[in-house]
Amino acid sequence: MHDFRMYKESGVHIQSKTKMQADSGYQGLKDLHANSELPYKRRKKQPLTQEEKMHNKKLAGERVVVENVIGRLKRFKIISDRYRNRRKRFMLRFSLIAGIHNFELGE
């Protein structure tokens, strides 16, 4: 299931003052969350303007940090595979994995 579909079906409400940044796979996010930022897509016969290219580059630079952390967390398989243990322990285990990741960054 795609992340955006999962977000729509989850019913999670994010406060309107919270800024969301997403990739181009989240087209239509503006309808659900007004304070969201998406990259511009080129139109069929019209290339992106210089300002739109700069916006996309700035957005990608901010998002790459988050994407790298998600990639590192996927190594532990807790968010890349189906979680088959007790739900009560998920946040504990996820927090421990995040702590290990943060510890490795400090070295």
PDB file of N, CA and C in Angstrom:
ATOM      1  N   MET A   1       0.848  -1.172   0.000  1.00  0.00           N
ATOM      2  CA  MET A   1       0.000   0.000   0.000  1.00  0.00           C
ATOM      3  C   MET A   1       0.898   1.242   0.000  1.00  0.00           C
ATOM      4  N   HIS A   2       0.534   2.231  -0.798  1.00  0.00           N
ATOM      5  CA  HIS A   2       1.327   3.457  -0.876  1.00  0.00           C
ATOM      6  C   HIS A   2       1.186   4.260   0.414  1.00  0.00           C
ATOM      7  N   ASP A   3       2.221   4.997   0.772  1.00  0.00           N
ATOM      8  CA  ASP A   3       2.230   5.782   2.003  1.00  0.00           C
ATOM      9  C   ASP A   3       1.075   6.785   2.049  1.00  0.00           C
ATOM     10  N   PHE A   4       0.803   7.451   0.929  1.00  0.00           N
ATOM     11  CA  PHE A   4      -0.249   8.470   0.915  1.00  0.00           C
ATOM     12  C   PHE A   4      -1.623   7.845   1.123  1.00  0.00           C
ATOM     13  N   ARG A   5      -1.858   6.701   0.518  1.00  0.00           N
ATOM     14  CA  ARG A   5      -3.134   6.005   0.724  1.00  0.00           C
ATOM     15  C   ARG A   5      -3.263   5.587   2.184  1.00  0.00           C
ATOM     16  N   MET A   6      -2.176   5.108   2.755  1.00  0.00           N
ATOM     17  CA  MET A   6      -2.183   4.706   4.155  1.00  0.00           C
ATOM     18  C   MET A   6      -2.466   5.910   5.053  1.00  0.00           C
ATOM     19  N   TYR A   7      -1.881   7.063   4.711  1.00  0.00           N
ATOM     20  CA  TYR A   7      -2.113   8.286   5.477  1.00  0.00           C
ATOM     21  C   TYR A   7      -3.590   8.681   5.411  1.00  0.00           C
ATOM     22  N   LYS A   8      -4.186   8.631   4.225  1.00  0.00           N
ATOM     23  CA  LYS A   8      -5.591   9.012   4.070  1.00  0.00           C
ATOM     24  C   LYS A   8      -6.513   8.071   4.829  1.00  0.00           C
ATOM     25  N   GLU A   9      -6.232   6.785   4.794  1.00  0.00           N
ATOM     26  CA  GLU A   9      -7.103   5.802   5.438  1.00  0.00           C
ATOM     27  C   GLU A   9      -6.904   5.730   6.950  1.00  0.00           C
ATOM     28  N   SER A  10      -5.769   6.215   7.440  1.00  0.00           N
ATOM     29  CA  SER A  10      -5.490   6.116   8.874  1.00  0.00           C
ATOM     30  C   SER A  10      -6.348   7.067   9.703  1.00  0.00           C
ATOM     31  N   GLY A  11      -6.739   8.184   9.109  1.00  0.00           N
ATOM     32  CA  GLY A  11      -7.532   9.156   9.851  1.00  0.00           C
ATOM     33  C   GLY A  11      -6.715   9.978  10.825  1.00  0.00           C
ATOM     34  N   VAL A  12      -5.400   9.946  10.699  1.00  0.00           N
ATOM     35  CA  VAL A  12      -4.530  10.731  11.566  1.00  0.00           C
ATOM     36  C   VAL A  12      -4.742  12.203  11.259  1.00  0.00           C
ATOM     37  N   HIS A  13      -4.921  13.001  12.301  1.00  0.00           N
ATOM     38  CA  HIS A  13      -5.101  14.431  12.115  1.00  0.00           C
ATOM     39  C   HIS A  13      -3.836  15.147  12.565  1.00  0.00           C
ATOM     40  N   ILE A  14      -3.273  15.916  11.668  1.00  0.00           N
ATOM     41  CA  ILE A  14      -2.077  16.703  11.969  1.00  0.00           C
ATOM     42  C   ILE A  14      -2.513  18.149  12.096  1.00  0.00           C
ATOM     43  N   GLN A  15      -2.032  18.819  13.123  1.00  0.00           N
ATOM     44  CA  GLN A  15      -2.438  20.198  13.367  1.00  0.00           C
ATOM     45  C   GLN A  15      -2.135  21.066  12.160  1.00  0.00           C
ATOM     46  N   SER A  16      -2.996  22.043  11.918  1.00  0.00           N
ATOM     47  CA  SER A  16      -2.873  22.873  10.721  1.00  0.00           C
ATOM     48  C   SER A  16      -1.629  23.747  10.747  1.00  0.00           C
ATOM     49  N   LYS A  17      -1.085  24.048  11.927  1.00  0.00           N
ATOM     50  CA  LYS A  17       0.113  24.883  11.980  1.00  0.00           C
ATOM     51  C   LYS A  17       1.394  24.073  11.725  1.00  0.00           C
ATOM     52  N   THR A  18       1.290  22.759  11.699  1.00  0.00           N
ATOM     53  CA  THR A  18       2.440  21.900  11.441  1.00  0.00           C
ATOM     54  C   THR A  18       2.729  21.869   9.952  1.00  0.00           C
ATOM     55  N   LYS A  19       3.982  22.130   9.607  1.00  0.00           N
ATOM     56  CA  LYS A  19       4.384  22.132   8.200  1.00  0.00           C
ATOM     57  C   LYS A  19       4.755  20.711   7.778  1.00  0.00           C
ATOM     58  N   MET A  20       4.170  20.258   6.662  1.00  0.00           N
ATOM     59  CA  MET A  20       4.463  18.931   6.136  1.00  0.00           C
ATOM     60  C   MET A  20       5.235  19.075   4.837  1.00  0.00           C
ATOM     61  N   GLN A  21       6.277  18.279   4.672  1.00  0.00           N
ATOM     62  CA  GLN A  21       7.015  18.226   3.419  1.00  0.00           C
ATOM     63  C   GLN A  21       6.890  16.812   2.874  1.00  0.00           C
ATOM     64  N   ALA A  22       6.578  16.696   1.595  1.00  0.00           N
ATOM     65  CA  ALA A  22       6.382  15.383   0.994  1.00  0.00           C
ATOM     66  C   ALA A  22       6.948  15.379  -0.416  1.00  0.00           C
ATOM     67  N   ASP A  23       7.078  14.177  -0.979  1.00  0.00           N
ATOM     68  CA  ASP A  23       7.560  14.082  -2.351  1.00  0.00           C
ATOM     69  C   ASP A  23       6.383  14.153  -3.321  1.00  0.00           C
ATOM     70  N   SER A  24       6.671  14.050  -4.595  1.00  0.00           N
ATOM     71  CA  SER A  24       5.632  14.248  -5.610  1.00  0.00           C
ATOM     72  C   SER A  24       4.598  13.121  -5.643  1.00  0.00           C
ATOM     73  N   GLY A  25       4.827  12.045  -4.927  1.00  0.00           N
ATOM     74  CA  GLY A  25       3.846  10.966  -4.841  1.00  0.00           C
ATOM     75  C   GLY A  25       2.646  11.329  -3.987  1.00  0.00           C
ATOM     76  N   TYR A  26       2.708  12.439  -3.308  1.00  0.00           N
ATOM     77  CA  TYR A  26       1.634  12.876  -2.419  1.00  0.00           C
ATOM     78  C   TYR A  26       0.786  13.974  -3.061  1.00  0.00           C
ATOM     79  N   GLN A  27       0.578  13.926  -4.382  1.00  0.00           N
ATOM     80  CA  GLN A  27      -0.267  14.901  -5.052  1.00  0.00           C
ATOM     81  C   GLN A  27      -1.663  14.836  -4.440  1.00  0.00           C
ATOM     82  N   GLY A  28      -2.193  15.986  -4.101  1.00  0.00           N
ATOM     83  CA  GLY A  28      -3.504  16.051  -3.460  1.00  0.00           C
ATOM     84  C   GLY A  28      -3.404  16.253  -1.960  1.00  0.00           C
ATOM     85  N   LEU A  29      -2.200  16.315  -1.426  1.00  0.00           N
ATOM     86  CA  LEU A  29      -2.021  16.525   0.010  1.00  0.00           C
ATOM     87  C   LEU A  29      -2.503  17.903   0.424  1.00  0.00           C
ATOM     88  N   LYS A  30      -2.402  18.884  -0.476  1.00  0.00           N
ATOM     89  CA  LYS A  30      -2.862  20.242  -0.165  1.00  0.00           C
ATOM     90  C   LYS A  30      -4.345  20.258   0.197  1.00  0.00           C
ATOM     91  N   ASP A  31      -5.121  19.335  -0.375  1.00  0.00           N
ATOM     92  CA  ASP A  31      -6.556  19.276  -0.070  1.00  0.00           C
ATOM     93  C   ASP A  31      -6.797  18.799   1.361  1.00  0.00           C
ATOM     94  N   LEU A  32      -5.906  17.949   1.881  1.00  0.00           N
ATOM     95  CA  LEU A  32      -6.064  17.400   3.223  1.00  0.00           C
ATOM     96  C   LEU A  32      -5.359  18.227   4.288  1.00  0.00           C
ATOM     97  N   HIS A  33      -4.230  18.856   3.908  1.00  0.00           N
ATOM     98  CA  HIS A  33      -3.422  19.620   4.860  1.00  0.00           C
ATOM     99  C   HIS A  33      -2.915  20.871   4.149  1.00  0.00           C
ATOM    100  N   ALA A  34      -3.454  22.016   4.513  1.00  0.00           N
ATOM    101  CA  ALA A  34      -3.150  23.261   3.796  1.00  0.00           C
ATOM    102  C   ALA A  34      -1.692  23.685   3.938  1.00  0.00           C
ATOM    103  N   ASN A  35      -1.060  23.364   5.052  1.00  0.00           N
ATOM    104  CA  ASN A  35       0.318  23.789   5.301  1.00  0.00           C
ATOM    105  C   ASN A  35       1.311  22.714   4.862  1.00  0.00           C
ATOM    106  N   SER A  36       1.135  22.193   3.662  1.00  0.00           N
ATOM    107  CA  SER A  36       2.037  21.166   3.151  1.00  0.00           C
ATOM    108  C   SER A  36       2.848  21.737   1.994  1.00  0.00           C
ATOM    109  N   GLU A  37       4.019  21.179   1.798  1.00  0.00           N
ATOM    110  CA  GLU A  37       4.928  21.659   0.763  1.00  0.00           C
ATOM    111  C   GLU A  37       5.332  20.485  -0.118  1.00  0.00           C
ATOM    112  N   LEU A  38       5.043  20.611  -1.407  1.00  0.00           N
ATOM    113  CA  LEU A  38       5.341  19.571  -2.386  1.00  0.00           C
ATOM    114  C   LEU A  38       6.242  20.149  -3.470  1.00  0.00           C
ATOM    115  N   PRO A  39       7.043  19.307  -4.109  1.00  0.00           N
ATOM    116  CA  PRO A  39       7.842  19.811  -5.231  1.00  0.00           C
ATOM    117  C   PRO A  39       6.946  20.094  -6.438  1.00  0.00           C
ATOM    118  N   TYR A  40       7.389  21.024  -7.251  1.00  0.00           N
ATOM    119  CA  TYR A  40       6.662  21.328  -8.477  1.00  0.00           C
ATOM    120  C   TYR A  40       6.946  20.245  -9.506  1.00  0.00           C
ATOM    121  N   LYS A  41       5.945  19.943 -10.328  1.00  0.00           N
ATOM    122  CA  LYS A  41       6.121  18.997 -11.425  1.00  0.00           C
ATOM    123  C   LYS A  41       6.035  19.777 -12.727  1.00  0.00           C
ATOM    124  N   ARG A  42       6.831  19.364 -13.701  1.00  0.00           N
ATOM    125  CA  ARG A  42       6.755  20.066 -14.981  1.00  0.00           C
ATOM    126  C   ARG A  42       5.463  19.672 -15.684  1.00  0.00           C
ATOM    127  N   ARG A  43       4.963  20.613 -16.458  1.00  0.00           N
ATOM    128  CA  ARG A  43       3.752  20.347 -17.204  1.00  0.00           C
ATOM    129  C   ARG A  43       4.106  19.777 -18.573  1.00  0.00           C
ATOM    130  N   LYS A  44       3.135  19.309 -19.284  1.00  0.00           N
ATOM    131  CA  LYS A  44       3.374  18.540 -20.499  1.00  0.00           C
ATOM    132  C   LYS A  44       4.283  19.264 -21.492  1.00  0.00           C
ATOM    133  N   LYS A  45       3.978  20.502 -21.823  1.00  0.00           N
ATOM    134  CA  LYS A  45       4.779  21.226 -22.804  1.00  0.00           C
ATOM    135  C   LYS A  45       5.422  22.469 -22.224  1.00  0.00           C
ATOM    136  N   GLN A  46       5.542  22.508 -20.904  1.00  0.00           N
ATOM    137  CA  GLN A  46       6.090  23.692 -20.262  1.00  0.00           C
ATOM    138  C   GLN A  46       7.083  23.265 -19.179  1.00  0.00           C
ATOM    139  N   PRO A  47       8.357  23.545 -19.384  1.00  0.00           N
ATOM    140  CA  PRO A  47       9.352  23.153 -18.373  1.00  0.00           C
ATOM    141  C   PRO A  47       9.222  24.005 -17.107  1.00  0.00           C
ATOM    142  N   LEU A  48       9.908  23.576 -16.066  1.00  0.00           N
ATOM    143  CA  LEU A  48       9.870  24.320 -14.812  1.00  0.00           C
ATOM    144  C   LEU A  48      10.617  25.634 -14.953  1.00  0.00           C
ATOM    145  N   THR A  49      10.144  26.655 -14.248  1.00  0.00           N
ATOM    146  CA  THR A  49      10.853  27.933 -14.231  1.00  0.00           C
ATOM    147  C   THR A  49      12.056  27.806 -13.302  1.00  0.00           C
ATOM    148  N   GLN A  50      12.924  28.799 -13.350  1.00  0.00           N
ATOM    149  CA  GLN A  50      14.119  28.782 -12.506  1.00  0.00           C
ATOM    150  C   GLN A  50      13.738  28.817 -11.022  1.00  0.00           C
ATOM    151  N   GLU A  51      12.697  29.586 -10.670  1.00  0.00           N
ATOM    152  CA  GLU A  51      12.255  29.653  -9.269  1.00  0.00           C
ATOM    153  C   GLU A  51      11.717  28.298  -8.796  1.00  0.00           C
ATOM    154  N   GLU A  52      10.967  27.622  -9.667  1.00  0.00           N
ATOM    155  CA  GLU A  52      10.433  26.310  -9.302  1.00  0.00           C
ATOM    156  C   GLU A  52      11.551  25.288  -9.129  1.00  0.00           C
ATOM    157  N   LYS A  53      12.561  25.365  -9.976  1.00  0.00           N
ATOM    158  CA  LYS A  53      13.709  24.461  -9.837  1.00  0.00           C
ATOM    159  C   LYS A  53      14.453  24.720  -8.529  1.00  0.00           C
ATOM    160  N   MET A  54      14.612  25.981  -8.175  1.00  0.00           N
ATOM    161  CA  MET A  54      15.290  26.327  -6.918  1.00  0.00           C
ATOM    162  C   MET A  54      14.470  25.849  -5.721  1.00  0.00           C
ATOM    163  N   HIS A  55      13.158  25.999  -5.792  1.00  0.00           N
ATOM    164  CA  HIS A  55      12.274  25.515  -4.720  1.00  0.00           C
ATOM    165  C   HIS A  55      12.411  24.007  -4.560  1.00  0.00           C
ATOM    166  N   ASN A  56      12.388  23.267  -5.674  1.00  0.00           N
ATOM    167  CA  ASN A  56      12.520  21.811  -5.624  1.00  0.00           C
ATOM    168  C   ASN A  56      13.857  21.396  -5.040  1.00  0.00           C
ATOM    169  N   LYS A  57      14.914  22.112  -5.398  1.00  0.00           N
ATOM    170  CA  LYS A  57      16.255  21.789  -4.897  1.00  0.00           C
ATOM    171  C   LYS A  57      16.345  22.041  -3.390  1.00  0.00           C
ATOM    172  N   LYS A  58      15.773  23.152  -2.944  1.00  0.00           N
ATOM    173  CA  LYS A  58      15.771  23.476  -1.508  1.00  0.00           C
ATOM    174  C   LYS A  58      14.966  22.432  -0.728  1.00  0.00           C
ATOM    175  N   LEU A  59      13.804  22.069  -1.251  1.00  0.00           N
ATOM    176  CA  LEU A  59      12.953  21.078  -0.596  1.00  0.00           C
ATOM    177  C   LEU A  59      13.650  19.721  -0.533  1.00  0.00           C
ATOM    178  N   ALA A  60      14.295  19.325  -1.611  1.00  0.00           N
ATOM    179  CA  ALA A  60      15.007  18.039  -1.639  1.00  0.00           C
ATOM    180  C   ALA A  60      16.159  18.033  -0.644  1.00  0.00           C
ATOM    181  N   GLY A  61      16.841  19.159  -0.501  1.00  0.00           N
ATOM    182  CA  GLY A  61      17.937  19.259   0.466  1.00  0.00           C
ATOM    183  C   GLY A  61      17.462  19.097   1.898  1.00  0.00           C
ATOM    184  N   GLU A  62      16.266  19.612   2.203  1.00  0.00           N
ATOM    185  CA  GLU A  62      15.715  19.478   3.547  1.00  0.00           C
ATOM    186  C   GLU A  62      15.204  18.062   3.792  1.00  0.00           C
ATOM    187  N   ARG A  63      14.621  17.447   2.771  1.00  0.00           N
ATOM    188  CA  ARG A  63      14.019  16.125   2.926  1.00  0.00           C
ATOM    189  C   ARG A  63      15.039  14.995   2.940  1.00  0.00           C
ATOM    190  N   VAL A  64      16.208  15.201   2.344  1.00  0.00           N
ATOM    191  CA  VAL A  64      17.181  14.116   2.234  1.00  0.00           C
ATOM    192  C   VAL A  64      17.650  13.656   3.617  1.00  0.00           C
ATOM    193  N   VAL A  65      17.698  14.547   4.567  1.00  0.00           N
ATOM    194  CA  VAL A  65      18.111  14.178   5.925  1.00  0.00           C
ATOM    195  C   VAL A  65      17.115  13.183   6.518  1.00  0.00           C
ATOM    196  N   VAL A  66      15.834  13.468   6.371  1.00  0.00           N
ATOM    197  CA  VAL A  66      14.789  12.584   6.899  1.00  0.00           C
ATOM    198  C   VAL A  66      14.795  11.250   6.160  1.00  0.00           C
ATOM    199  N   GLU A  67      14.919  11.298   4.845  1.00  0.00           N
ATOM    200  CA  GLU A  67      14.923  10.068   4.046  1.00  0.00           C
ATOM    201  C   GLU A  67      16.094   9.167   4.416  1.00  0.00           C
ATOM    202  N   ASN A  68      17.250   9.757   4.713  1.00  0.00           N
ATOM    203  CA  ASN A  68      18.406   8.952   5.121  1.00  0.00           C
ATOM    204  C   ASN A  68      18.172   8.271   6.461  1.00  0.00           C
ATOM    205  N   VAL A  69      17.542   8.961   7.392  1.00  0.00           N
ATOM    206  CA  VAL A  69      17.232   8.356   8.694  1.00  0.00           C
ATOM    207  C   VAL A  69      16.242   7.212   8.523  1.00  0.00           C
ATOM    208  N   ILE A  70      15.220   7.409   7.700  1.00  0.00           N
ATOM    209  CA  ILE A  70      14.251   6.339   7.453  1.00  0.00           C
ATOM    210  C   ILE A  70      14.951   5.134   6.849  1.00  0.00           C
ATOM    211  N   GLY A  71      15.865   5.374   5.921  1.00  0.00           N
ATOM    212  CA  GLY A  71      16.625   4.272   5.320  1.00  0.00           C
ATOM    213  C   GLY A  71      17.452   3.514   6.337  1.00  0.00           C
ATOM    214  N   ARG A  72      18.057   4.238   7.283  1.00  0.00           N
ATOM    215  CA  ARG A  72      18.849   3.568   8.328  1.00  0.00           C
ATOM    216  C   ARG A  72      17.947   2.756   9.252  1.00  0.00           C
ATOM    217  N   LEU A  73      16.764   3.289   9.567  1.00  0.00           N
ATOM    218  CA  LEU A  73      15.843   2.562  10.442  1.00  0.00           C
ATOM    219  C   LEU A  73      15.285   1.321   9.760  1.00  0.00           C
ATOM    220  N   LYS A  74      15.186   1.345   8.449  1.00  0.00           N
ATOM    221  CA  LYS A  74      14.685   0.179   7.722  1.00  0.00           C
ATOM    222  C   LYS A  74      15.655  -0.994   7.798  1.00  0.00           C
ATOM    223  N   ARG A  75      16.914  -0.734   8.100  1.00  0.00           N
ATOM    224  CA  ARG A  75      17.877  -1.825   8.267  1.00  0.00           C
ATOM    225  C   ARG A  75      17.483  -2.758   9.399  1.00  0.00           C
ATOM    226  N   PHE A  76      16.804  -2.212  10.390  1.00  0.00           N
ATOM    227  CA  PHE A  76      16.388  -3.019  11.535  1.00  0.00           C
ATOM    228  C   PHE A  76      15.105  -3.790  11.256  1.00  0.00           C
ATOM    229  N   LYS A  77      14.500  -3.579  10.107  1.00  0.00           N
ATOM    230  CA  LYS A  77      13.311  -4.292   9.632  1.00  0.00           C
ATOM    231  C   LYS A  77      12.044  -4.006  10.431  1.00  0.00           C
ATOM    232  N   ILE A  78      12.084  -3.072  11.376  1.00  0.00           N
ATOM    233  CA  ILE A  78      10.879  -2.825  12.173  1.00  0.00           C
ATOM    234  C   ILE A  78       9.853  -2.005  11.393  1.00  0.00           C
ATOM    235  N   ILE A  79      10.307  -1.177  10.455  1.00  0.00           N
ATOM    236  CA  ILE A  79       9.347  -0.402   9.669  1.00  0.00           C
ATOM    237  C   ILE A  79       9.310  -0.836   8.212  1.00  0.00           C
ATOM    238  N   SER A  80      10.162  -1.756   7.813  1.00  0.00           N
ATOM    239  CA  SER A  80      10.128  -2.194   6.420  1.00  0.00           C
ATOM    240  C   SER A  80       9.355  -3.498   6.245  1.00  0.00           C
ATOM    241  N   ASP A  81       9.223  -4.288   7.302  1.00  0.00           N
ATOM    242  CA  ASP A  81       8.476  -5.542   7.244  1.00  0.00           C
ATOM    243  C   ASP A  81       7.252  -5.450   8.149  1.00  0.00           C
ATOM    244  N   ARG A  82       6.395  -6.425   8.045  1.00  0.00           N
ATOM    245  CA  ARG A  82       5.222  -6.493   8.923  1.00  0.00           C
ATOM    246  C   ARG A  82       5.697  -6.775  10.352  1.00  0.00           C
ATOM    247  N   TYR A  83       5.170  -5.991  11.296  1.00  0.00           N
ATOM    248  CA  TYR A  83       5.524  -6.181  12.700  1.00  0.00           C
ATOM    249  C   TYR A  83       4.657  -7.294  13.267  1.00  0.00           C
ATOM    250  N   ARG A  84       5.261  -8.380  13.715  1.00  0.00           N
ATOM    251  CA  ARG A  84       4.508  -9.571  14.119  1.00  0.00           C
ATOM    252  C   ARG A  84       4.531  -9.829  15.628  1.00  0.00           C
ATOM    253  N   ASN A  85       4.965  -8.860  16.385  1.00  0.00           N
ATOM    254  CA  ASN A  85       5.006  -9.038  17.834  1.00  0.00           C
ATOM    255  C   ASN A  85       3.865  -8.260  18.485  1.00  0.00           C
ATOM    256  N   ARG A  86       3.887  -8.181  19.811  1.00  0.00           N
ATOM    257  CA  ARG A  86       2.830  -7.478  20.534  1.00  0.00           C
ATOM    258  C   ARG A  86       2.860  -5.993  20.212  1.00  0.00           C
ATOM    259  N   ARG A  87       1.670  -5.441  19.984  1.00  0.00           N
ATOM    260  CA  ARG A  87       1.579  -4.020  19.659  1.00  0.00           C
ATOM    261  C   ARG A  87       2.057  -3.137  20.794  1.00  0.00           C
ATOM    262  N   LYS A  88       1.846  -3.607  22.022  1.00  0.00           N
ATOM    263  CA  LYS A  88       2.257  -2.804  23.182  1.00  0.00           C
ATOM    264  C   LYS A  88       3.760  -2.549  23.183  1.00  0.00           C
ATOM    265  N   ARG A  89       4.526  -3.438  22.619  1.00  0.00           N
ATOM    266  CA  ARG A  89       5.977  -3.321  22.642  1.00  0.00           C
ATOM    267  C   ARG A  89       6.554  -2.585  21.431  1.00  0.00           C
ATOM    268  N   PHE A  90       5.706  -2.254  20.450  1.00  0.00           N
ATOM    269  CA  PHE A  90       6.217  -1.637  19.229  1.00  0.00           C
ATOM    270  C   PHE A  90       6.935  -0.329  19.520  1.00  0.00           C
ATOM    271  N   MET A  91       6.289   0.574  20.262  1.00  0.00           N
ATOM    272  CA  MET A  91       6.899   1.884  20.528  1.00  0.00           C
ATOM    273  C   MET A  91       8.174   1.738  21.356  1.00  0.00           C
ATOM    274  N   LEU A  92       8.195   0.806  22.287  1.00  0.00           N
ATOM    275  CA  LEU A  92       9.396   0.575  23.076  1.00  0.00           C
ATOM    276  C   LEU A  92      10.543   0.149  22.169  1.00  0.00           C
ATOM    277  N   ARG A  93      10.289  -0.824  21.310  1.00  0.00           N
ATOM    278  CA  ARG A  93      11.333  -1.313  20.410  1.00  0.00           C
ATOM    279  C   ARG A  93      11.755  -0.255  19.406  1.00  0.00           C
ATOM    280  N   PHE A  94      10.774   0.464  18.876  1.00  0.00           N
ATOM    281  CA  PHE A  94      11.106   1.523  17.920  1.00  0.00           C
ATOM    282  C   PHE A  94      11.951   2.602  18.592  1.00  0.00           C
ATOM    283  N   SER A  95      11.608   2.963  19.817  1.00  0.00           N
ATOM    284  CA  SER A  95      12.382   3.970  20.555  1.00  0.00           C
ATOM    285  C   SER A  95      13.802   3.485  20.823  1.00  0.00           C
ATOM    286  N   LEU A  96      13.950   2.206  21.135  1.00  0.00           N
ATOM    287  CA  LEU A  96      15.288   1.657  21.352  1.00  0.00           C
ATOM    288  C   LEU A  96      16.127   1.704  20.078  1.00  0.00           C
ATOM    289  N   ILE A  97      15.513   1.367  18.956  1.00  0.00           N
ATOM    290  CA  ILE A  97      16.220   1.408  17.680  1.00  0.00           C
ATOM    291  C   ILE A  97      16.600   2.845  17.331  1.00  0.00           C
ATOM    292  N   ALA A  98      15.685   3.789  17.556  1.00  0.00           N
ATOM    293  CA  ALA A  98      15.996   5.199  17.312  1.00  0.00           C
ATOM    294  C   ALA A  98      17.121   5.661  18.227  1.00  0.00           C
ATOM    295  N   GLY A  99      17.131   5.185  19.458  1.00  0.00           N
ATOM    296  CA  GLY A  99      18.218   5.526  20.383  1.00  0.00           C
ATOM    297  C   GLY A  99      19.556   4.979  19.914  1.00  0.00           C
ATOM    298  N   ILE A 100      19.563   3.759  19.405  1.00  0.00           N
ATOM    299  CA  ILE A 100      20.797   3.181  18.859  1.00  0.00           C
ATOM    300  C   ILE A 100      21.282   4.012  17.677  1.00  0.00           C
ATOM    301  N   HIS A 101      20.354   4.415  16.822  1.00  0.00           N
ATOM    302  CA  HIS A 101      20.719   5.250  15.677  1.00  0.00           C
ATOM    303  C   HIS A 101      21.333   6.570  16.133  1.00  0.00           C
ATOM    304  N   ASN A 102      20.685   7.223  17.115  1.00  0.00           N
ATOM    305  CA  ASN A 102      21.207   8.499  17.619  1.00  0.00           C
ATOM    306  C   ASN A 102      22.556   8.320  18.291  1.00  0.00           C
ATOM    307  N   PHE A 103      22.756   7.189  18.973  1.00  0.00           N
ATOM    308  CA  PHE A 103      24.042   6.914  19.614  1.00  0.00           C
ATOM    309  C   PHE A 103      25.136   6.782  18.575  1.00  0.00           C
ATOM    310  N   GLU A 104      24.829   6.084  17.475  1.00  0.00           N
ATOM    311  CA  GLU A 104      25.813   5.937  16.407  1.00  0.00           C
ATOM    312  C   GLU A 104      26.165   7.263  15.754  1.00  0.00           C
ATOM    313  N   LEU A 105      25.214   8.194  15.685  1.00  0.00           N
ATOM    314  CA  LEU A 105      25.495   9.513  15.117  1.00  0.00           C
ATOM    315  C   LEU A 105      26.474  10.291  15.992  1.00  0.00           C
ATOM    316  N   GLY A 106      26.408  10.074  17.300  1.00  0.00           N
ATOM    317  CA  GLY A 106      27.256  10.813  18.228  1.00  0.00           C
ATOM    318  C   GLY A 106      28.704  10.394  18.204  1.00  0.00           C
ATOM    319  N   GLU A 107      29.010   9.237  17.665  1.00  0.00           N
ATOM    320  CA  GLU A 107      30.388   8.736  17.668  1.00  0.00           C
ATOM    321  C   GLU A 107      31.220   9.363  16.589  1.00  0.00           C
TER     322      GLU A 107
END
